[in-house]
Amino acid sequence: MFAEAGGPHHVAHFHAYYQNEVGIYSLDPIELIAGSLPKRQHRLVEAWAELHQVELMSDWR
């Protein structure tokens, strides 16, 4: 997780990359808010994020 200097971030989120695609997922609730990933990778990212949601929110803060 990293912050872009000068970039406004209004919603807690993270980026997930797979090959040439990127999905941007909000942390609460965990859902795809921009971009896209193949269905299988999308499900894996959501499952992983649900398991690590508390840690992700802590890192965001």
Protein backbone atom coordinates (compact mmCIF):
# COMPACT_ATOMS: atom_id res chain seq x y z
CA MET A 1 0.00 0.00 0.00
CA PHE A 2 1.33 3.44 -0.87
CA ALA A 3 0.08 6.99 -1.21
CA GLU A 4 0.50 9.09 -4.31
CA ALA A 5 1.91 12.50 -3.46
CA GLY A 6 -0.65 15.21 -4.14
CA GLY A 7 -3.34 12.72 -5.14
CA PRO A 8 -6.63 13.01 -3.28
CA HIS A 9 -7.96 9.73 -1.91
CA HIS A 10 -11.47 10.06 -0.61
CA VAL A 11 -12.28 6.36 -0.26
CA ALA A 12 -10.02 3.81 1.42
CA HIS A 13 -8.96 1.45 -1.36
CA PHE A 14 -6.22 -0.70 -2.83
CA HIS A 15 -5.12 -1.65 -6.34
CA ALA A 16 -4.83 -5.26 -7.49
CA TYR A 17 -2.82 -6.02 -10.62
CA TYR A 18 -3.04 -9.08 -12.86
CA GLN A 19 -1.10 -9.16 -16.13
CA ASN A 20 -2.14 -5.96 -17.96
CA GLU A 21 -5.29 -5.34 -15.91
CA VAL A 22 -5.93 -3.49 -12.68
CA GLY A 23 -8.86 -3.52 -10.29
CA ILE A 24 -9.40 -0.87 -7.63
CA TYR A 25 -11.23 -2.15 -4.55
CA SER A 26 -12.75 -0.17 -1.71
CA LEU A 27 -12.03 -1.44 1.80
CA ASP A 28 -15.39 -0.89 3.48
CA PRO A 29 -17.31 -2.49 1.93
CA ILE A 30 -14.92 -4.60 -0.10
CA GLU A 31 -16.03 -4.12 -3.68
CA LEU A 32 -14.64 -3.30 -7.09
CA ILE A 33 -14.95 0.46 -7.64
CA ALA A 34 -12.92 0.86 -10.84
CA GLY A 35 -11.08 -1.17 -13.43
CA SER A 36 -11.50 -4.89 -13.93
CA LEU A 37 -9.89 -8.25 -13.40
CA PRO A 38 -10.78 -11.65 -14.84
CA LYS A 39 -13.58 -13.31 -12.85
CA ARG A 40 -11.33 -15.86 -11.09
CA GLN A 41 -8.76 -13.26 -10.01
CA HIS A 42 -11.54 -10.88 -8.95
CA ARG A 43 -13.00 -13.54 -6.62
CA LEU A 44 -9.55 -14.34 -5.19
CA VAL A 45 -8.82 -10.66 -4.49
CA GLU A 46 -12.19 -10.18 -2.77
CA ALA A 47 -11.70 -13.29 -0.62
CA TRP A 48 -8.17 -12.22 0.33
CA ALA A 49 -9.32 -8.68 1.16
CA GLU A 50 -12.12 -9.98 3.37
CA LEU A 51 -9.60 -12.05 5.35
CA HIS A 52 -7.27 -9.04 5.72
CA GLN A 53 -9.78 -6.19 5.95
CA VAL A 54 -8.79 -5.13 9.48
CA GLU A 55 -5.09 -5.03 8.53
CA LEU A 56 -5.82 -3.13 5.32
CA MET A 57 -7.86 -0.50 7.16
CA SER A 58 -5.12 -0.15 9.76
CA ASP A 59 -2.51 0.32 7.01
CA TRP A 60 -4.72 2.88 5.28
CA ARG A 61 -4.96 4.97 8.46
